């Protein structure tokens, strides 16, 4: 820690050294030996800039203690669990967003850190490659993020923009609860100049029927299914099962997500599954590329067509042109 230079940070660590040592020892009891060089580097590269930004907002010793305590304890959790080692660059980039939002950290240190960690956990489940993109989007709006709710909602909208399609259905209401300035900032960031209500209501923006890719895959190669899956539409949702695991599919212009649907019975999905001989009605000439005999299940909603094949572990998605 000798490389730490911020006086207020040094004073806090020295004056409360017994407490910080206690938290360190408790973490070692929980996680085992913690790599001291990783902790030191994290404190210098990540925690100190955040503390410096917070001190510029509020230099009261009790507030500094509250902030440093939260940052230190959460840092030990991330390092002890291996998250800040395995995904160091992602967590570093996300945590340093707090430098640009010291007002939130000063008021709600634990909540702010927890929100960031929750976002990263979700991305690691569904779109780990998009974490850096999300951080860049948030960075464009930090000046207009004034409250924890602003951060939650803006973070949710940008997470959707980065591929978490299951978030879209709640965003219309969320978006309208933001201030006008933040609404404008968000609309500019997601590069949408039209009716923002429409972008949250409509999963696709193209006017033509279009192949949107695949989702799923064999479980043995980082996919989802042990057996070729089948689809069913139930109460407006698209469910899929491989007879071992059940999921609900969310897909739109920004991404595709399969969420576990453990409360839905496999037999219920299979009994609602439908097979068609042809998709010509919706796909036109594109239908000629698909062997009707190979189709095992099909779901058609107002704006999306999804089908499976007998010998495939994938779901095939098409966006449909407006009727």
Protein backbone atom coordinates (compact mmCIF):
# COMPACT_ATOMS: atom_id res chain seq x y z
CA UNK A 1 0.00 0.00 0.00
CA UNK A 2 3.06 2.28 0.09
CA UNK A 3 2.23 3.44 -3.46
CA UNK A 4 -1.09 4.96 -2.41
CA UNK A 5 -0.71 8.75 -2.53
CA UNK A 6 -4.13 10.19 -1.63
CA UNK A 7 -3.72 11.64 1.92
CA UNK A 8 -7.32 11.02 2.97
CA UNK A 9 -7.11 7.40 1.81
CA UNK A 10 -3.81 6.86 3.64
CA UNK A 11 -5.21 8.37 6.85
CA UNK A 12 -8.31 6.18 6.70
CA UNK A 13 -6.29 2.98 6.23
CA UNK A 14 -3.84 3.88 9.00
CA UNK A 15 -6.36 5.09 11.56
CA UNK A 16 -8.67 2.09 11.03
CA UNK A 17 -5.94 -0.47 10.33
CA UNK A 18 -7.27 -2.91 12.93
CA UNK A 19 -10.67 -2.97 11.20
CA UNK A 20 -9.21 -3.43 7.72
CA UNK A 21 -6.95 -6.22 8.97
CA UNK A 22 -9.96 -7.89 10.58
CA UNK A 23 -11.93 -7.78 7.31
CA UNK A 24 -8.90 -9.10 5.45
CA UNK A 25 -8.51 -12.00 7.88
CA UNK A 26 -12.25 -12.81 7.69
CA UNK A 27 -11.99 -12.91 3.89
CA UNK A 28 -9.01 -15.26 4.04
CA UNK A 29 -10.99 -17.56 6.33
CA UNK A 30 -13.81 -17.59 3.76
CA UNK A 31 -11.86 -17.70 0.49
CA UNK A 32 -8.43 -18.97 1.47
CA UNK A 33 -5.16 -17.14 0.86
CA UNK A 34 -5.69 -13.87 -1.02
CA UNK A 35 -3.01 -12.74 -3.53
CA UNK A 36 -1.54 -9.62 -1.90
CA UNK A 37 -0.13 -8.28 -5.17
CA UNK A 38 -3.60 -8.42 -6.75
CA UNK A 39 -5.13 -6.56 -3.79
CA UNK A 40 -2.39 -3.93 -3.87
CA UNK A 41 -2.75 -3.36 -7.60
CA UNK A 42 -6.56 -3.15 -7.31
CA UNK A 43 -6.34 -0.61 -4.48
CA UNK A 44 -3.96 1.61 -6.45
CA UNK A 45 -5.47 1.31 -9.94
CA UNK A 46 -9.17 1.14 -9.07
CA UNK A 47 -10.06 2.04 -5.49
CA UNK A 48 -7.82 5.10 -5.04
CA UNK A 49 -9.19 7.01 -8.08
CA UNK A 50 -12.73 6.29 -6.89
CA UNK A 51 -11.96 7.50 -3.35
CA UNK A 52 -10.28 10.63 -4.75
CA UNK A 53 -13.39 11.47 -6.75
CA UNK A 54 -15.61 10.91 -3.70
CA UNK A 55 -13.37 13.04 -1.45
CA UNK A 56 -13.78 15.93 -3.86
CA UNK A 57 -17.53 15.69 -3.20
CA UNK A 58 -17.40 15.10 0.54
CA UNK A 59 -14.20 15.03 2.63
CA UNK A 60 -15.85 14.31 5.99
CA UNK A 61 -13.86 11.52 7.74
CA UNK A 62 -17.01 9.53 8.55
CA UNK A 63 -18.10 9.65 4.91
CA UNK A 64 -14.63 8.63 3.70
CA UNK A 65 -14.74 5.70 6.12
CA UNK A 66 -18.17 4.60 4.85
CA UNK A 67 -16.99 4.71 1.23
CA UNK A 68 -13.58 3.07 1.74
CA UNK A 69 -15.14 0.35 3.91
CA UNK A 70 -17.66 -0.50 1.18
CA UNK A 71 -15.03 -0.45 -1.57
CA UNK A 72 -12.57 -2.53 0.47
CA UNK A 73 -15.05 -5.19 1.56
CA UNK A 74 -16.49 -5.56 -1.94
CA UNK A 75 -12.98 -5.68 -3.39
CA UNK A 76 -12.06 -8.55 -1.09
CA UNK A 77 -15.21 -10.42 -2.20
CA UNK A 78 -14.38 -9.95 -5.89
CA UNK A 79 -10.75 -10.96 -5.44
CA UNK A 80 -11.54 -13.84 -3.09
CA UNK A 81 -14.18 -15.26 -5.41
CA UNK A 82 -11.80 -14.91 -8.36
CA UNK A 83 -14.06 -12.51 -10.27
CA UNK A 84 -11.62 -9.60 -10.13
CA UNK A 85 -8.83 -11.92 -11.23
CA UNK A 86 -10.59 -13.80 -14.01
CA UNK A 87 -12.43 -10.71 -15.30
CA UNK A 88 -10.07 -8.02 -14.07
CA UNK A 89 -10.33 -5.69 -17.07
CA UNK A 90 -14.13 -5.81 -17.14
CA UNK A 91 -14.54 -5.15 -13.41
CA UNK A 92 -11.89 -2.45 -13.49
CA UNK A 93 -13.62 -0.62 -16.33
CA UNK A 94 -17.03 -0.95 -14.66
CA UNK A 95 -15.86 0.15 -11.21
CA UNK A 96 -14.04 3.17 -12.62
CA UNK A 97 -17.41 4.43 -13.81
CA UNK A 98 -17.86 5.46 -10.16
CA UNK A 99 -15.15 8.09 -10.69
CA UNK A 100 -17.60 9.83 -13.02
CA UNK A 101 -20.57 9.36 -10.64
CA UNK A 102 -19.19 10.38 -7.23
CA UNK A 103 -22.56 11.80 -6.22
CA UNK A 104 -24.07 8.31 -6.25
CA UNK A 105 -21.14 6.74 -4.44
CA UNK A 106 -21.17 9.37 -1.70
CA UNK A 107 -24.90 8.92 -1.07
CA UNK A 108 -25.22 5.17 -1.63
CA UNK A 109 -21.81 3.45 -1.62
CA UNK A 110 -23.01 -0.12 -1.05
CA UNK A 111 -25.97 0.16 -3.46
CA UNK A 112 -23.86 1.70 -6.23
CA UNK A 113 -21.20 -1.02 -6.01
CA UNK A 114 -23.83 -3.77 -5.79
CA UNK A 115 -25.62 -2.47 -8.88
CA UNK A 116 -22.41 -2.52 -10.90
CA UNK A 117 -21.58 -6.04 -9.74
CA UNK A 118 -25.12 -7.26 -10.52
CA UNK A 119 -24.89 -5.86 -14.06
CA UNK A 120 -21.61 -7.65 -14.66
CA UNK A 121 -23.00 -10.91 -13.26
CA UNK A 122 -25.91 -10.73 -15.71
CA UNK A 123 -23.61 -10.00 -18.62
CA UNK A 124 -21.39 -12.94 -17.71
CA UNK A 125 -24.47 -15.15 -17.98
CA UNK A 126 -25.88 -13.82 -21.25
CA UNK A 127 -23.44 -11.59 -23.16
CA UNK A 128 -19.96 -11.43 -21.56
CA UNK A 129 -18.42 -9.98 -24.69
CA UNK A 130 -20.59 -6.84 -24.37
CA UNK A 131 -19.43 -5.60 -20.94
CA UNK A 132 -17.01 -3.05 -22.37
CA UNK A 133 -19.69 -1.77 -24.75
CA UNK A 134 -22.08 -1.29 -21.81
CA UNK A 135 -19.46 0.66 -19.87
CA UNK A 136 -18.89 2.97 -22.85
CA UNK A 137 -22.64 3.62 -23.14
CA UNK A 138 -23.00 4.42 -19.43
CA UNK A 139 -20.02 6.75 -19.64
CA UNK A 140 -21.83 8.90 -22.21
CA UNK A 141 -24.66 9.56 -19.74
CA UNK A 142 -22.93 9.91 -16.35
CA UNK A 143 -23.39 13.70 -16.33
CA UNK A 144 -27.17 13.25 -16.43
CA UNK A 145 -27.41 10.33 -13.98
CA UNK A 146 -28.42 11.97 -10.71
CA UNK A 147 -30.04 9.19 -8.67
CA UNK A 148 -29.79 5.46 -8.03
CA UNK A 149 -33.02 4.99 -10.02
CA UNK A 150 -31.49 6.90 -12.93
CA UNK A 151 -28.54 4.53 -12.81
CA UNK A 152 -30.73 1.41 -12.59
CA UNK A 153 -32.93 2.42 -15.52
CA UNK A 154 -30.19 3.80 -17.75
CA UNK A 155 -28.09 0.73 -17.02
CA UNK A 156 -31.03 -1.50 -17.91
CA UNK A 157 -31.69 0.28 -21.21
CA UNK A 158 -28.04 0.07 -22.20
CA UNK A 159 -27.87 -3.58 -21.15
CA UNK A 160 -30.77 -4.23 -23.52
CA UNK A 161 -28.92 -2.31 -26.25
CA UNK A 162 -25.96 -4.63 -25.60
CA UNK A 163 -27.96 -7.81 -26.17
CA UNK A 164 -30.05 -8.60 -23.08
CA UNK A 165 -33.30 -8.87 -25.04
CA UNK A 166 -35.39 -10.03 -22.06
CA UNK A 167 -35.20 -6.51 -20.57
CA UNK A 168 -37.03 -4.76 -23.44
CA UNK A 169 -40.64 -5.32 -22.34
CA UNK A 170 -40.24 -3.21 -19.19
CA UNK A 171 -38.24 -0.38 -20.72
CA UNK A 172 -41.07 1.74 -22.11
CA UNK A 173 -42.31 2.53 -18.61
CA UNK A 174 -38.77 2.88 -17.28
CA UNK A 175 -37.76 5.30 -20.00
CA UNK A 176 -40.64 7.67 -19.31
CA UNK A 177 -39.74 7.89 -15.62
CA UNK A 178 -36.40 9.51 -16.51
CA UNK A 179 -35.86 13.27 -16.64
CA UNK A 180 -36.14 14.93 -20.05
CA UNK A 181 -32.39 15.51 -20.15
CA UNK A 182 -31.64 11.88 -19.42
CA UNK A 183 -34.27 10.68 -21.91
CA UNK A 184 -32.59 12.79 -24.59
CA UNK A 185 -29.14 11.53 -23.60
CA UNK A 186 -30.31 7.90 -23.74
CA UNK A 187 -32.08 8.35 -27.09
CA UNK A 188 -28.92 9.90 -28.56
CA UNK A 189 -26.73 7.15 -27.14
CA UNK A 190 -28.81 4.29 -28.52
CA UNK A 191 -28.81 6.22 -31.81
CA UNK A 192 -32.56 6.38 -32.19
CA UNK A 193 -34.16 9.54 -33.54
CA UNK A 194 -37.69 8.21 -34.07
CA UNK A 195 -40.49 7.46 -31.63
CA UNK A 196 -38.74 5.98 -28.60
CA UNK A 197 -41.96 4.25 -27.55
CA UNK A 198 -41.85 2.22 -30.77
CA UNK A 199 -38.31 1.00 -30.25
CA UNK A 200 -39.30 -0.56 -26.94
CA UNK A 201 -42.54 -2.03 -28.29
CA UNK A 202 -41.26 -3.46 -31.58
CA UNK A 203 -38.47 -6.04 -31.43
CA UNK A 204 -37.35 -5.42 -35.02
CA UNK A 205 -36.91 -2.20 -37.03
CA UNK A 206 -36.62 -3.65 -40.55
CA UNK A 207 -39.56 -3.52 -42.97
CA UNK A 208 -38.72 -6.80 -44.65
CA UNK A 209 -38.75 -10.40 -43.50
CA UNK A 210 -35.18 -11.21 -42.56
CA UNK A 211 -33.14 -14.09 -41.13
CA UNK A 212 -31.91 -12.99 -37.70
CA UNK A 213 -29.57 -15.86 -36.91
CA UNK A 214 -29.65 -18.79 -34.53
CA UNK A 215 -29.73 -19.38 -30.80
CA UNK A 216 -29.13 -22.48 -28.69
CA UNK A 217 -26.60 -25.09 -29.70
CA UNK A 218 -25.34 -28.37 -28.26
CA UNK A 219 -24.68 -28.27 -24.52
CA UNK A 220 -21.35 -30.06 -24.97
CA UNK A 221 -20.01 -27.13 -26.98
CA UNK A 222 -21.13 -24.26 -24.70
CA UNK A 223 -24.73 -24.41 -25.96
CA UNK A 224 -27.99 -25.12 -24.13
CA UNK A 225 -29.48 -28.42 -25.35
CA UNK A 226 -28.66 -32.09 -24.79
CA UNK A 227 -31.17 -33.12 -27.46
CA UNK A 228 -32.65 -31.30 -30.49
CA UNK A 229 -35.18 -28.87 -29.00
CA UNK A 230 -38.84 -28.15 -29.72
CA UNK A 231 -40.75 -24.88 -29.46
CA UNK A 232 -44.20 -23.83 -28.30
CA UNK A 233 -45.99 -20.51 -27.91
CA UNK A 234 -47.72 -20.31 -24.53
CA UNK A 235 -49.55 -17.15 -23.43
CA UNK A 236 -47.59 -15.03 -25.89
CA UNK A 237 -44.18 -16.35 -24.84
CA UNK A 238 -41.91 -18.64 -26.85
CA UNK A 239 -40.88 -21.67 -24.79
CA UNK A 240 -38.36 -24.32 -25.79
CA UNK A 241 -37.44 -27.69 -24.33
CA UNK A 242 -34.98 -30.46 -25.10
CA UNK A 243 -36.92 -32.74 -22.69
CA UNK A 244 -34.20 -32.12 -20.07
CA UNK A 245 -34.22 -28.35 -19.65
CA UNK A 246 -36.86 -25.71 -20.38
CA UNK A 247 -36.28 -22.10 -21.46
CA UNK A 248 -38.16 -19.03 -22.61
CA UNK A 249 -36.77 -17.22 -25.64
CA UNK A 250 -36.38 -13.44 -25.95
CA UNK A 251 -35.09 -12.03 -29.22
CA UNK A 252 -34.93 -8.63 -30.87
CA UNK A 253 -32.70 -6.45 -33.03
CA UNK A 254 -30.00 -6.26 -30.35
CA UNK A 255 -29.75 -9.81 -29.07
CA UNK A 256 -31.13 -13.23 -28.21
CA UNK A 257 -31.47 -14.67 -24.71
CA UNK A 258 -32.67 -18.01 -23.36
CA UNK A 259 -33.81 -17.79 -19.74
CA UNK A 260 -34.44 -20.92 -17.65
CA UNK A 261 -38.15 -21.72 -17.33
CA UNK A 262 -38.05 -24.26 -14.53
CA UNK A 263 -41.63 -23.61 -13.41
CA UNK A 264 -43.06 -24.71 -16.78
CA UNK A 265 -43.67 -28.43 -17.22
CA UNK A 266 -41.81 -30.10 -20.09
CA UNK A 267 -44.85 -32.11 -21.16
CA UNK A 268 -46.91 -28.92 -21.32
CA UNK A 269 -44.42 -27.35 -23.76
CA UNK A 270 -44.33 -30.51 -25.89
CA UNK A 271 -48.12 -30.82 -25.96
CA UNK A 272 -48.37 -27.23 -27.25
CA UNK A 273 -45.64 -27.69 -29.84
CA UNK A 274 -46.75 -27.38 -33.48
CA UNK A 275 -45.18 -28.61 -36.68
CA UNK A 276 -45.85 -27.17 -40.14
CA UNK A 277 -45.06 -28.58 -43.57
CA UNK A 278 -44.11 -25.24 -45.11
CA UNK A 279 -43.22 -21.70 -44.09
CA UNK A 280 -44.02 -20.17 -47.48
CA UNK A 281 -46.83 -18.01 -46.10
CA UNK A 282 -44.31 -16.03 -44.04
CA UNK A 283 -40.96 -16.51 -45.74
CA UNK A 284 -41.89 -16.52 -49.41
CA UNK A 285 -38.92 -17.56 -51.54
CA UNK A 286 -36.79 -18.01 -48.43
CA UNK A 287 -38.97 -21.03 -47.70
CA UNK A 288 -37.37 -22.87 -50.63
CA UNK A 289 -34.11 -23.11 -48.70
CA UNK A 290 -35.79 -25.00 -45.86
CA UNK A 291 -36.64 -28.69 -46.09
CA UNK A 292 -40.21 -28.97 -44.83
CA UNK A 293 -39.64 -32.60 -43.83
CA UNK A 294 -36.83 -31.50 -41.50
CA UNK A 295 -39.02 -29.06 -39.54
CA UNK A 296 -39.75 -30.32 -36.03
CA UNK A 297 -41.56 -27.31 -34.52
CA UNK A 298 -42.58 -23.79 -35.51
CA UNK A 299 -43.77 -20.72 -33.61
CA UNK A 300 -45.08 -17.62 -35.40
CA UNK A 301 -45.89 -14.46 -33.45
CA UNK A 302 -46.94 -11.05 -34.73
CA UNK A 303 -43.35 -10.13 -35.60
CA UNK A 304 -41.14 -13.21 -35.19
CA UNK A 305 -40.91 -16.68 -36.69
CA UNK A 306 -38.83 -19.37 -34.99
CA UNK A 307 -38.40 -22.99 -36.02
CA UNK A 308 -36.40 -26.07 -35.09
CA UNK A 309 -35.15 -29.01 -37.14
CA UNK A 310 -35.17 -32.70 -36.24
CA UNK A 311 -31.40 -33.04 -36.44
CA UNK A 312 -30.32 -29.61 -35.13
CA UNK A 313 -29.61 -28.18 -31.70
CA UNK A 314 -30.35 -24.63 -32.83
CA UNK A 315 -33.38 -22.34 -32.99
CA UNK A 316 -33.68 -20.47 -36.32
CA UNK A 317 -35.11 -16.94 -36.13
CA UNK A 318 -36.70 -14.65 -38.68
CA UNK A 319 -38.09 -11.17 -38.13
CA UNK A 320 -41.34 -10.73 -40.02
CA UNK A 321 -42.36 -7.72 -42.08
CA UNK A 322 -45.38 -5.80 -40.80
CA UNK A 323 -48.59 -7.26 -42.14
